[in-house]
Amino acid sequence: MNFENIRTVCTTVLYMVSSVLFIRGIKLLGKADTARKGNLMSSVGMLIAVVTVLFEKQVTDTV
């Protein structure tokens, strides 16, 4: 496996994790008891997605 294949797999996994966190967080926003946790989960999911896009598009020089 070369570097590009590993990078593609990591990117795909990170997108999947971020989408699950985001969707689950949105679902938790429906109740007052779980809204704070849902907001945190959605925020973490979006942060993972944004950082993944920055690394995927090679906006930074760290990768």
PDB file of N, CA and C in Angstrom:
ATOM      1  N   MET A   1       0.834  -1.180   0.000  1.00  0.00           N
ATOM      2  CA  MET A   1       0.000   0.000   0.000  1.00  0.00           C
ATOM      3  C   MET A   1       0.880   1.246   0.000  1.00  0.00           C
ATOM      4  N   ASN A   2       0.604   2.138  -0.904  1.00  0.00           N
ATOM      5  CA  ASN A   2       1.403   3.358  -0.937  1.00  0.00           C
ATOM      6  C   ASN A   2       0.730   4.460  -0.125  1.00  0.00           C
ATOM      7  N   PHE A   3       1.390   5.595  -0.060  1.00  0.00           N
ATOM      8  CA  PHE A   3       0.939   6.707   0.778  1.00  0.00           C
ATOM      9  C   PHE A   3      -0.418   7.242   0.337  1.00  0.00           C
ATOM     10  N   GLU A   4      -0.666   7.313  -0.945  1.00  0.00           N
ATOM     11  CA  GLU A   4      -1.939   7.844  -1.448  1.00  0.00           C
ATOM     12  C   GLU A   4      -3.111   6.951  -1.055  1.00  0.00           C
ATOM     13  N   ASN A   5      -2.918   5.639  -1.103  1.00  0.00           N
ATOM     14  CA  ASN A   5      -3.987   4.726  -0.693  1.00  0.00           C
ATOM     15  C   ASN A   5      -4.294   4.860   0.793  1.00  0.00           C
ATOM     16  N   ILE A   6      -3.259   4.956   1.604  1.00  0.00           N
ATOM     17  CA  ILE A   6      -3.445   5.121   3.042  1.00  0.00           C
ATOM     18  C   ILE A   6      -4.147   6.437   3.327  1.00  0.00           C
ATOM     19  N   ARG A   7      -3.751   7.469   2.634  1.00  0.00           N
ATOM     20  CA  ARG A   7      -4.358   8.792   2.816  1.00  0.00           C
ATOM     21  C   ARG A   7      -5.837   8.771   2.433  1.00  0.00           C
ATOM     22  N   THR A   8      -6.167   8.086   1.347  1.00  0.00           N
ATOM     23  CA  THR A   8      -7.556   7.990   0.907  1.00  0.00           C
ATOM     24  C   THR A   8      -8.402   7.232   1.924  1.00  0.00           C
ATOM     25  N   VAL A   9      -7.867   6.145   2.449  1.00  0.00           N
ATOM     26  CA  VAL A   9      -8.596   5.361   3.450  1.00  0.00           C
ATOM     27  C   VAL A   9      -8.813   6.187   4.719  1.00  0.00           C
ATOM     28  N   CYS A  10      -7.781   6.875   5.176  1.00  0.00           N
ATOM     29  CA  CYS A  10      -7.905   7.706   6.379  1.00  0.00           C
ATOM     30  C   CYS A  10      -8.925   8.821   6.176  1.00  0.00           C
ATOM     31  N   THR A  11      -8.903   9.443   5.019  1.00  0.00           N
ATOM     32  CA  THR A  11      -9.855  10.509   4.716  1.00  0.00           C
ATOM     33  C   THR A  11     -11.281   9.983   4.729  1.00  0.00           C
ATOM     34  N   THR A  12     -11.490   8.839   4.122  1.00  0.00           N
ATOM     35  CA  THR A  12     -12.827   8.249   4.085  1.00  0.00           C
ATOM     36  C   THR A  12     -13.318   7.900   5.486  1.00  0.00           C
ATOM     37  N   VAL A  13     -12.451   7.322   6.291  1.00  0.00           N
ATOM     38  CA  VAL A  13     -12.828   6.960   7.661  1.00  0.00           C
ATOM     39  C   VAL A  13     -13.162   8.214   8.472  1.00  0.00           C
ATOM     40  N   LEU A  14     -12.362   9.258   8.326  1.00  0.00           N
ATOM     41  CA  LEU A  14     -12.631  10.495   9.062  1.00  0.00           C
ATOM     42  C   LEU A  14     -13.939  11.139   8.628  1.00  0.00           C
ATOM     43  N   TYR A  15     -14.247  11.098   7.337  1.00  0.00           N
ATOM     44  CA  TYR A  15     -15.531  11.619   6.865  1.00  0.00           C
ATOM     45  C   TYR A  15     -16.690  10.826   7.451  1.00  0.00           C
ATOM     46  N   MET A  16     -16.543   9.512   7.515  1.00  0.00           N
ATOM     47  CA  MET A  16     -17.611   8.677   8.072  1.00  0.00           C
ATOM     48  C   MET A  16     -17.816   8.966   9.561  1.00  0.00           C
ATOM     49  N   VAL A  17     -16.725   9.080  10.294  1.00  0.00           N
ATOM     50  CA  VAL A  17     -16.819   9.382  11.725  1.00  0.00           C
ATOM     51  C   VAL A  17     -17.475  10.742  11.938  1.00  0.00           C
ATOM     52  N   SER A  18     -17.056  11.728  11.158  1.00  0.00           N
ATOM     53  CA  SER A  18     -17.625  13.066  11.326  1.00  0.00           C
ATOM     54  C   SER A  18     -19.102  13.095  10.964  1.00  0.00           C
ATOM     55  N   SER A  19     -19.495  12.359   9.945  1.00  0.00           N
ATOM     56  CA  SER A  19     -20.913  12.353   9.579  1.00  0.00           C
ATOM     57  C   SER A  19     -21.762  11.656  10.636  1.00  0.00           C
ATOM     58  N   VAL A  20     -21.255  10.573  11.216  1.00  0.00           N
ATOM     59  CA  VAL A  20     -21.996   9.886  12.280  1.00  0.00           C
ATOM     60  C   VAL A  20     -22.140  10.797  13.498  1.00  0.00           C
ATOM     61  N   LEU A  21     -21.059  11.466  13.883  1.00  0.00           N
ATOM     62  CA  LEU A  21     -21.130  12.390  15.016  1.00  0.00           C
ATOM     63  C   LEU A  21     -22.105  13.527  14.747  1.00  0.00           C
ATOM     64  N   PHE A  22     -22.063  14.067  13.544  1.00  0.00           N
ATOM     65  CA  PHE A  22     -22.930  15.187  13.199  1.00  0.00           C
ATOM     66  C   PHE A  22     -24.398  14.768  13.210  1.00  0.00           C
ATOM     67  N   ILE A  23     -24.712  13.653  12.588  1.00  0.00           N
ATOM     68  CA  ILE A  23     -26.102  13.193  12.526  1.00  0.00           C
ATOM     69  C   ILE A  23     -26.612  12.812  13.915  1.00  0.00           C
ATOM     70  N   ARG A  24     -25.785  12.122  14.672  1.00  0.00           N
ATOM     71  CA  ARG A  24     -26.181  11.741  16.033  1.00  0.00           C
ATOM     72  C   ARG A  24     -26.377  12.988  16.901  1.00  0.00           C
ATOM     73  N   GLY A  25     -25.508  13.972  16.739  1.00  0.00           N
ATOM     74  CA  GLY A  25     -25.646  15.214  17.495  1.00  0.00           C
ATOM     75  C   GLY A  25     -26.914  15.966  17.152  1.00  0.00           C
ATOM     76  N   ILE A  26     -27.269  16.004  15.871  1.00  0.00           N
ATOM     77  CA  ILE A  26     -28.511  16.653  15.453  1.00  0.00           C
ATOM     78  C   ILE A  26     -29.710  15.947  16.090  1.00  0.00           C
ATOM     79  N   LYS A  27     -29.653  14.624  16.136  1.00  0.00           N
ATOM     80  CA  LYS A  27     -30.753  13.859  16.739  1.00  0.00           C
ATOM     81  C   LYS A  27     -30.885  14.179  18.228  1.00  0.00           C
ATOM     82  N   LEU A  28     -29.765  14.355  18.912  1.00  0.00           N
ATOM     83  CA  LEU A  28     -29.806  14.648  20.343  1.00  0.00           C
ATOM     84  C   LEU A  28     -30.286  16.066  20.647  1.00  0.00           C
ATOM     85  N   LEU A  29     -30.277  16.946  19.664  1.00  0.00           N
ATOM     86  CA  LEU A  29     -30.739  18.312  19.888  1.00  0.00           C
ATOM     87  C   LEU A  29     -32.254  18.391  20.078  1.00  0.00           C
ATOM     88  N   GLY A  30     -32.961  17.317  19.804  1.00  0.00           N
ATOM     89  CA  GLY A  30     -34.416  17.316  19.890  1.00  0.00           C
ATOM     90  C   GLY A  30     -34.971  17.373  21.304  1.00  0.00           C
ATOM     91  N   LYS A  31     -34.196  17.013  22.294  1.00  0.00           N
ATOM     92  CA  LYS A  31     -34.664  17.011  23.683  1.00  0.00           C
ATOM     93  C   LYS A  31     -33.816  17.967  24.508  1.00  0.00           C
ATOM     94  N   ALA A  32     -34.455  18.629  25.448  1.00  0.00           N
ATOM     95  CA  ALA A  32     -33.738  19.591  26.289  1.00  0.00           C
ATOM     96  C   ALA A  32     -32.682  18.907  27.154  1.00  0.00           C
ATOM     97  N   ASP A  33     -32.945  17.670  27.554  1.00  0.00           N
ATOM     98  CA  ASP A  33     -32.000  16.948  28.417  1.00  0.00           C
ATOM     99  C   ASP A  33     -30.690  16.625  27.708  1.00  0.00           C
ATOM    100  N   THR A  34     -30.756  16.378  26.418  1.00  0.00           N
ATOM    101  CA  THR A  34     -29.576  15.932  25.676  1.00  0.00           C
ATOM    102  C   THR A  34     -29.051  16.978  24.694  1.00  0.00           C
ATOM    103  N   ALA A  35     -29.612  18.180  24.723  1.00  0.00           N
ATOM    104  CA  ALA A  35     -29.231  19.200  23.737  1.00  0.00           C
ATOM    105  C   ALA A  35     -27.765  19.619  23.873  1.00  0.00           C
ATOM    106  N   ARG A  36     -27.293  19.740  25.087  1.00  0.00           N
ATOM    107  CA  ARG A  36     -25.898  20.156  25.283  1.00  0.00           C
ATOM    108  C   ARG A  36     -24.932  19.112  24.719  1.00  0.00           C
ATOM    109  N   LYS A  37     -25.222  17.848  24.981  1.00  0.00           N
ATOM    110  CA  LYS A  37     -24.393  16.758  24.453  1.00  0.00           C
ATOM    111  C   LYS A  37     -24.484  16.709  22.929  1.00  0.00           C
ATOM    112  N   GLY A  38     -25.679  16.912  22.389  1.00  0.00           N
ATOM    113  CA  GLY A  38     -25.860  16.919  20.940  1.00  0.00           C
ATOM    114  C   GLY A  38     -25.105  18.047  20.268  1.00  0.00           C
ATOM    115  N   ASN A  39     -25.121  19.209  20.893  1.00  0.00           N
ATOM    116  CA  ASN A  39     -24.385  20.346  20.346  1.00  0.00           C
ATOM    117  C   ASN A  39     -22.890  20.063  20.323  1.00  0.00           C
ATOM    118  N   LEU A  40     -22.387  19.465  21.387  1.00  0.00           N
ATOM    119  CA  LEU A  40     -20.964  19.121  21.452  1.00  0.00           C
ATOM    120  C   LEU A  40     -20.597  18.082  20.395  1.00  0.00           C
ATOM    121  N   MET A  41     -21.424  17.051  20.251  1.00  0.00           N
ATOM    122  CA  MET A  41     -21.141  16.003  19.260  1.00  0.00           C
ATOM    123  C   MET A  41     -21.154  16.569  17.842  1.00  0.00           C
ATOM    124  N   SER A  42     -22.129  17.411  17.547  1.00  0.00           N
ATOM    125  CA  SER A  42     -22.205  18.014  16.212  1.00  0.00           C
ATOM    126  C   SER A  42     -20.998  18.904  15.945  1.00  0.00           C
ATOM    127  N   SER A  43     -20.589  19.657  16.948  1.00  0.00           N
ATOM    128  CA  SER A  43     -19.430  20.538  16.793  1.00  0.00           C
ATOM    129  C   SER A  43     -18.150  19.750  16.545  1.00  0.00           C
ATOM    130  N   VAL A  44     -17.965  18.675  17.285  1.00  0.00           N
ATOM    131  CA  VAL A  44     -16.779  17.835  17.089  1.00  0.00           C
ATOM    132  C   VAL A  44     -16.805  17.198  15.706  1.00  0.00           C
ATOM    133  N   GLY A  45     -17.972  16.752  15.272  1.00  0.00           N
ATOM    134  CA  GLY A  45     -18.099  16.177  13.934  1.00  0.00           C
ATOM    135  C   GLY A  45     -17.742  17.172  12.845  1.00  0.00           C
ATOM    136  N   MET A  46     -18.212  18.400  12.973  1.00  0.00           N
ATOM    137  CA  MET A  46     -17.896  19.421  11.974  1.00  0.00           C
ATOM    138  C   MET A  46     -16.415  19.799  12.022  1.00  0.00           C
ATOM    139  N   LEU A  47     -15.837  19.847  13.214  1.00  0.00           N
ATOM    140  CA  LEU A  47     -14.411  20.147  13.327  1.00  0.00           C
ATOM    141  C   LEU A  47     -13.577  19.079  12.631  1.00  0.00           C
ATOM    142  N   ILE A  48     -13.914  17.822  12.840  1.00  0.00           N
ATOM    143  CA  ILE A  48     -13.199  16.731  12.170  1.00  0.00           C
ATOM    144  C   ILE A  48     -13.334  16.857  10.658  1.00  0.00           C
ATOM    145  N   ALA A  49     -14.539  17.181  10.183  1.00  0.00           N
ATOM    146  CA  ALA A  49     -14.762  17.311   8.741  1.00  0.00           C
ATOM    147  C   ALA A  49     -13.953  18.460   8.149  1.00  0.00           C
ATOM    148  N   VAL A  50     -13.925  19.599   8.822  1.00  0.00           N
ATOM    149  CA  VAL A  50     -13.181  20.759   8.305  1.00  0.00           C
ATOM    150  C   VAL A  50     -11.683  20.480   8.283  1.00  0.00           C
ATOM    151  N   VAL A  51     -11.161  19.893   9.350  1.00  0.00           N
ATOM    152  CA  VAL A  51      -9.730  19.575   9.390  1.00  0.00           C
ATOM    153  C   VAL A  51      -9.383  18.547   8.316  1.00  0.00           C
ATOM    154  N   THR A  52     -10.258  17.584   8.092  1.00  0.00           N
ATOM    155  CA  THR A  52     -10.031  16.581   7.047  1.00  0.00           C
ATOM    156  C   THR A  52      -9.983  17.224   5.672  1.00  0.00           C
ATOM    157  N   VAL A  53     -10.883  18.154   5.406  1.00  0.00           N
ATOM    158  CA  VAL A  53     -10.879  18.855   4.115  1.00  0.00           C
ATOM    159  C   VAL A  53      -9.588  19.643   3.940  1.00  0.00           C
ATOM    160  N   LEU A  54      -9.138  20.309   4.990  1.00  0.00           N
ATOM    161  CA  LEU A  54      -7.902  21.093   4.889  1.00  0.00           C
ATOM    162  C   LEU A  54      -6.704  20.204   4.571  1.00  0.00           C
ATOM    163  N   PHE A  55      -6.624  19.047   5.205  1.00  0.00           N
ATOM    164  CA  PHE A  55      -5.521  18.143   4.916  1.00  0.00           C
ATOM    165  C   PHE A  55      -5.667  17.475   3.557  1.00  0.00           C
ATOM    166  N   GLU A  56      -6.908  17.148   3.181  1.00  0.00           N
ATOM    167  CA  GLU A  56      -7.136  16.487   1.897  1.00  0.00           C
ATOM    168  C   GLU A  56      -6.785  17.408   0.731  1.00  0.00           C
ATOM    169  N   LYS A  57      -7.137  18.664   0.847  1.00  0.00           N
ATOM    170  CA  LYS A  57      -6.871  19.624  -0.229  1.00  0.00           C
ATOM    171  C   LYS A  57      -5.465  20.214  -0.138  1.00  0.00           C
ATOM    172  N   GLN A  58      -4.698  19.737   0.829  1.00  0.00           N
ATOM    173  CA  GLN A  58      -3.309  20.148   1.045  1.00  0.00           C
ATOM    174  C   GLN A  58      -3.190  21.651   1.250  1.00  0.00           C
ATOM    175  N   VAL A  59      -4.076  22.179   2.083  1.00  0.00           N
ATOM    176  CA  VAL A  59      -4.029  23.590   2.425  1.00  0.00           C
ATOM    177  C   VAL A  59      -2.861  23.850   3.367  1.00  0.00           C
ATOM    178  N   THR A  60      -2.532  22.857   4.193  1.00  0.00           N
ATOM    179  CA  THR A  60      -1.410  22.988   5.112  1.00  0.00           C
ATOM    180  C   THR A  60      -0.227  22.171   4.600  1.00  0.00           C
ATOM    181  N   ASP A  61       0.939  22.451   5.107  1.00  0.00           N
ATOM    182  CA  ASP A  61       2.147  21.745   4.680  1.00  0.00           C
ATOM    183  C   ASP A  61       2.548  20.630   5.644  1.00  0.00           C
ATOM    184  N   THR A  62       1.709  20.309   6.615  1.00  0.00           N
ATOM    185  CA  THR A  62       2.097  19.325   7.621  1.00  0.00           C
ATOM    186  C   THR A  62       1.961  17.894   7.145  1.00  0.00           C
ATOM    187  N   VAL A  63       1.194  17.646   6.096  1.00  0.00           N
ATOM    188  CA  VAL A  63       1.010  16.271   5.614  1.00  0.00           C
ATOM    189  C   VAL A  63       1.738  16.094   4.312  1.00  0.00           C
TER     190      VAL A  63
END
